[in-house]
Amino acid sequence: MATREDQPAAMRESGEERQPPGEKMGVGQHILDKGSSMLQSLKPVKQVSQHACSFALYGDDLSRQIETHHYISRLNQDFLQCAVYDSDTADAHLIGVEYIVSDQIFETLSPDEQKLWHSHAYEIKSGLMVHPRIPEMVAKPELENLAKSYGKFWCTWQVDRGDKLPMGAPALMMSPQATGAGVVKAELVQKRDDYYNISTDAIKGSRVEIEEPEWINPQADYWKQHDGKGFAIDVVRTDMKLRAPFP
């Protein structure tokens, strides 16, 4: 079975068109899409109420860093779910999904499960996570909640390596951190700041009063506490379960 590193080289070349291979949509498809949007409820999608822009690092190679756009729906005060895209444009790629839980919920997870999650405190306090075009004072209550939260982010489409289609197994992503391999590249931050006409440094200064968590569980951000050890997923053959367990 092919592993994550065995993807065809043609799929990884840079400088090609953003869109995946395929014919352009015809008039009939456009008419169907318009009609469907008027007649169907699309309720899950309409629950998206926030757009946050940040950065993420691959859990098995922190030198691979990407800008991420999270379209967030809140199911309750302690749980959010995010569709993650590589941009905020109409032709953006859906590259993954992130689940975000409060610190209270995170502490109920098993240690093995906690290893797959990352903290958000530094991401918030440093100004790396922003809500584009939303004044900081308006976003502050949500930022205070997010600073004490944890996320699990699976990347399913590695567009940064040039993949024209979602290839291979998903990749577990980590959040930016203050030191070492977890520091986001300056040029990546500057590119984002130029696009939105913002200053991450100025935003960081405005968040001084946001409280940091009293304690960040060391099981999160696993690589920081375990000599740079991370997690990678590969697809392997396995015997299928042919019988369901008895109730």
Protein backbone atom coordinates (compact mmCIF):
# COMPACT_ATOMS: atom_id res chain seq x y z
CA MET A 1 0.00 0.00 0.00
CA ALA A 2 1.33 3.45 -0.90
CA THR A 3 2.52 5.58 1.97
CA ARG A 4 2.36 9.35 2.38
CA GLU A 5 5.78 9.78 0.73
CA ASP A 6 4.96 7.63 -2.31
CA GLN A 7 2.64 10.13 -4.04
CA PRO A 8 3.27 10.71 -7.77
CA ALA A 9 5.77 13.50 -8.36
CA ALA A 10 3.47 15.06 -10.95
CA MET A 11 0.98 15.72 -8.17
CA ARG A 12 3.55 17.67 -6.16
CA GLU A 13 4.90 20.12 -8.72
CA SER A 14 4.46 23.77 -7.81
CA GLY A 15 3.37 26.62 -10.03
CA GLU A 16 0.47 24.76 -11.60
CA GLU A 17 -3.14 25.87 -11.58
CA ARG A 18 -4.87 25.71 -8.22
CA GLN A 19 -7.81 23.68 -9.41
CA PRO A 20 -7.83 19.86 -9.41
CA PRO A 21 -8.00 18.04 -12.76
CA GLY A 22 -11.42 17.93 -14.41
CA GLU A 23 -13.69 19.62 -16.92
CA LYS A 24 -15.16 23.06 -16.26
CA MET A 25 -18.74 23.08 -15.02
CA GLY A 26 -21.37 23.36 -17.71
CA VAL A 27 -24.51 25.50 -17.76
CA GLY A 28 -26.64 22.58 -16.61
CA GLN A 29 -24.53 22.05 -13.51
CA HIS A 30 -24.70 25.75 -12.64
CA ILE A 31 -28.50 25.69 -12.98
CA LEU A 32 -28.73 22.60 -10.77
CA ASP A 33 -26.52 24.17 -8.12
CA LYS A 34 -28.56 27.39 -8.09
CA GLY A 35 -31.81 25.47 -7.81
CA SER A 36 -30.49 23.25 -5.06
CA SER A 37 -29.30 26.22 -3.00
CA MET A 38 -32.81 27.69 -3.16
CA LEU A 39 -34.73 24.48 -2.42
CA GLN A 40 -32.48 22.71 0.08
CA SER A 41 -31.87 23.86 3.63
CA LEU A 42 -28.07 23.31 3.84
CA LYS A 43 -28.51 23.76 7.59
CA PRO A 44 -25.10 22.44 8.73
CA VAL A 45 -23.25 24.81 6.42
CA LYS A 46 -25.37 27.78 7.47
CA GLN A 47 -24.29 27.25 11.09
CA VAL A 48 -20.82 28.52 10.22
CA SER A 49 -20.58 31.82 12.08
CA GLN A 50 -16.87 32.68 12.24
CA HIS A 51 -13.80 32.84 10.03
CA ALA A 52 -10.42 32.58 11.75
CA CYS A 53 -7.06 32.70 10.00
CA SER A 54 -3.99 31.10 11.55
CA PHE A 55 -1.10 28.76 10.81
CA ALA A 56 -0.52 25.03 11.28
CA LEU A 57 2.52 22.75 11.30
CA TYR A 58 2.68 19.14 10.21
CA GLY A 59 2.94 16.84 13.23
CA ASP A 60 5.76 14.79 11.73
CA ASP A 61 7.66 17.68 10.11
CA LEU A 62 7.34 21.06 11.83
CA SER A 63 9.30 22.73 9.03
CA ARG A 64 6.23 22.27 6.82
CA GLN A 65 3.98 25.17 7.77
CA ILE A 66 0.79 26.42 6.15
CA GLU A 67 -1.67 29.28 6.44
CA THR A 68 -5.11 28.01 7.42
CA HIS A 69 -8.62 29.42 7.24
CA HIS A 70 -11.08 27.97 9.72
CA TYR A 71 -14.81 28.31 9.10
CA ILE A 72 -16.27 27.65 12.52
CA SER A 73 -19.61 26.48 13.85
CA ARG A 74 -20.15 26.30 17.61
CA LEU A 75 -22.28 23.38 18.81
CA ASN A 76 -22.16 24.54 22.43
CA GLN A 77 -19.95 26.60 24.74
CA ASP A 78 -17.38 23.81 24.99
CA PHE A 79 -17.24 22.39 21.45
CA LEU A 80 -16.52 23.88 18.04
CA GLN A 81 -16.06 22.24 14.65
CA CYS A 82 -14.15 23.82 11.79
CA ALA A 83 -13.97 23.26 8.06
CA VAL A 84 -10.40 24.25 7.20
CA TYR A 85 -9.48 25.81 3.85
CA ASP A 86 -6.19 27.01 2.39
CA SER A 87 -7.52 30.50 1.62
CA ASP A 88 -10.62 32.68 1.88
CA THR A 89 -11.19 32.87 -1.88
CA ALA A 90 -14.02 31.34 -3.89
CA ASP A 91 -11.71 28.62 -5.26
CA ALA A 92 -10.27 27.66 -1.86
CA HIS A 93 -9.45 24.02 -1.20
CA LEU A 94 -11.09 22.21 1.69
CA ILE A 95 -7.91 20.82 3.25
CA GLY A 96 -9.12 19.37 6.54
CA VAL A 97 -11.18 19.55 9.68
CA GLU A 98 -10.40 20.72 13.20
CA TYR A 99 -12.33 19.99 16.38
CA ILE A 100 -11.90 22.37 19.31
CA VAL A 101 -12.83 21.59 22.92
CA SER A 102 -12.65 23.52 26.17
CA ASP A 103 -10.04 22.67 28.78
CA GLN A 104 -12.76 21.06 30.89
CA ILE A 105 -13.59 18.56 28.15
CA PHE A 106 -9.94 18.00 27.27
CA GLU A 107 -9.17 16.89 30.83
CA THR A 108 -11.77 14.10 30.49
CA LEU A 109 -9.94 12.53 27.52
CA SER A 110 -7.60 9.57 27.92
CA PRO A 111 -3.84 10.30 27.89
CA ASP A 112 -3.49 8.46 24.56
CA GLU A 113 -6.19 10.64 23.02
CA GLN A 114 -4.74 13.85 24.48
CA LYS A 115 -1.49 13.21 22.60
CA LEU A 116 -3.28 13.99 19.33
CA TRP A 117 -4.37 17.49 20.42
CA HIS A 118 -2.62 20.85 20.57
CA SER A 119 -3.05 23.90 22.79
CA HIS A 120 -4.18 27.30 21.53
CA ALA A 121 -2.85 29.64 24.23
CA TYR A 122 0.28 30.78 22.38
CA GLU A 123 -1.56 30.97 19.05
CA ILE A 124 -4.00 33.46 20.61
CA LYS A 125 -1.61 35.49 22.77
CA SER A 126 0.92 35.89 19.95
CA GLY A 127 -1.65 37.33 17.53
CA LEU A 128 -1.15 34.50 15.05
CA MET A 129 -4.84 33.57 15.10
CA VAL A 130 -7.01 36.43 13.85
CA HIS A 131 -10.62 36.92 12.86
CA PRO A 132 -10.20 38.88 9.61
CA ARG A 133 -12.01 42.22 9.43
CA ILE A 134 -13.45 41.81 12.96
CA PRO A 135 -12.31 44.44 15.50
CA GLU A 136 -10.23 42.97 18.31
CA MET A 137 -12.65 44.24 20.97
CA VAL A 138 -15.51 42.41 19.28
CA ALA A 139 -13.50 39.18 19.01
CA LYS A 140 -12.05 39.39 22.54
CA PRO A 141 -14.64 37.19 24.33
CA GLU A 142 -14.12 34.42 21.78
CA LEU A 143 -10.34 34.82 21.96
CA GLU A 144 -10.47 34.44 25.73
CA ASN A 145 -12.37 31.16 25.31
CA LEU A 146 -10.02 29.89 22.60
CA ALA A 147 -6.92 30.65 24.68
CA LYS A 148 -8.01 27.92 27.10
CA SER A 149 -9.01 25.40 24.42
CA TYR A 150 -7.39 22.47 22.65
CA GLY A 151 -7.71 21.39 19.01
CA LYS A 152 -7.34 18.25 16.93
CA PHE A 153 -6.70 19.08 13.28
CA TRP A 154 -6.50 16.50 10.50
CA CYS A 155 -5.19 17.73 7.14
CA THR A 156 -6.66 15.67 4.30
CA TRP A 157 -5.27 17.61 1.31
CA GLN A 158 -1.60 18.58 1.34
CA VAL A 159 -1.73 21.42 -1.16
CA ASP A 160 1.54 22.84 0.14
CA ARG A 161 3.45 20.03 -1.57
CA GLY A 162 1.53 20.62 -4.81
CA ASP A 163 -1.02 17.79 -4.58
CA LYS A 164 -3.72 18.42 -7.20
CA LEU A 165 -6.01 15.91 -5.45
CA PRO A 166 -6.37 14.77 -1.82
CA MET A 167 -3.69 12.07 -1.70
CA GLY A 168 -2.84 9.40 0.82
CA ALA A 169 -3.55 9.32 4.53
CA PRO A 170 -4.50 12.39 6.57
CA ALA A 171 -1.80 14.27 8.47
CA LEU A 172 -2.07 15.34 12.09
CA MET A 173 -1.34 19.04 12.49
CA MET A 174 0.17 21.01 15.38
CA SER A 175 -0.22 24.61 16.49
CA PRO A 176 2.51 27.28 16.44
CA GLN A 177 4.65 27.65 19.56
CA ALA A 178 7.05 30.25 20.94
CA THR A 179 10.36 28.43 20.55
CA GLY A 180 12.27 25.89 18.52
CA ALA A 181 10.74 24.16 15.54
CA GLY A 182 7.29 25.43 16.50
CA VAL A 183 8.01 29.04 15.52
CA VAL A 184 6.11 30.11 12.41
CA LYS A 185 8.31 31.39 9.59
CA ALA A 186 8.39 35.19 9.47
CA GLU A 187 7.76 35.32 5.74
CA LEU A 188 4.58 33.27 6.14
CA VAL A 189 3.23 35.67 8.77
CA GLN A 190 4.21 38.71 6.71
CA LYS A 191 2.41 37.37 3.65
CA ARG A 192 -0.78 36.96 5.68
CA ASP A 193 -0.41 40.40 7.28
CA ASP A 194 0.08 42.07 3.90
CA TYR A 195 -3.01 40.36 2.51
CA TYR A 196 -5.26 41.57 5.34
CA ASN A 197 -3.38 44.83 5.96
CA ILE A 198 -2.79 43.94 9.62
CA SER A 199 0.18 43.71 11.99
CA THR A 200 0.56 40.52 13.99
CA ASP A 201 2.95 42.32 16.35
CA ALA A 202 0.39 45.06 17.01
CA ILE A 203 -2.34 42.47 17.56
CA LYS A 204 -0.08 40.65 20.03
CA GLY A 205 0.31 43.88 21.98
CA SER A 206 -3.45 44.35 22.16
CA ARG A 207 -3.90 40.89 23.70
CA VAL A 208 -1.71 41.39 26.76
CA GLU A 209 -4.77 41.39 29.03
CA ILE A 210 -6.10 38.07 27.74
CA GLU A 211 -5.44 35.57 30.52
CA GLU A 212 -3.27 32.59 29.80
CA PRO A 213 -4.39 29.21 31.13
CA GLU A 214 -3.12 28.48 34.62
CA TRP A 215 -1.94 25.10 33.33
CA ILE A 216 -1.52 23.58 29.86
CA ASN A 217 -1.76 19.81 29.93
CA PRO A 218 1.67 18.41 28.93
CA GLN A 219 0.04 15.61 26.94
CA ALA A 220 -1.00 18.25 24.37
CA ASP A 221 1.67 19.60 21.98
CA TYR A 222 3.22 16.17 22.38
CA TRP A 223 6.42 16.94 20.48
CA LYS A 224 7.44 19.64 22.97
CA GLN A 225 7.66 17.22 25.88
CA HIS A 226 8.99 14.15 24.06
CA ASP A 227 12.25 15.07 22.32
CA GLY A 228 10.63 16.09 19.07
CA LYS A 229 8.62 12.91 18.63
CA GLY A 230 5.46 13.41 16.56
CA PHE A 231 2.81 11.33 14.85
CA ALA A 232 2.43 10.26 11.22
CA ILE A 233 -0.39 8.25 9.66
CA ASP A 234 0.06 5.69 6.89
CA VAL A 235 -2.48 3.44 5.16
CA VAL A 236 -1.86 -0.25 5.89
CA ARG A 237 -3.61 -3.47 4.96
CA THR A 238 -5.64 -5.12 7.69
CA ASP A 239 -8.02 -8.00 8.06
CA MET A 240 -11.64 -6.90 7.75
CA LYS A 241 -14.02 -7.65 10.61
CA LEU A 242 -16.63 -9.87 9.03
CA ARG A 243 -18.87 -10.25 12.05
CA ALA A 244 -20.35 -7.53 14.19
CA PRO A 245 -19.87 -7.97 17.95
CA PHE A 246 -22.84 -9.38 19.81
CA PRO A 247 -24.78 -6.56 21.58
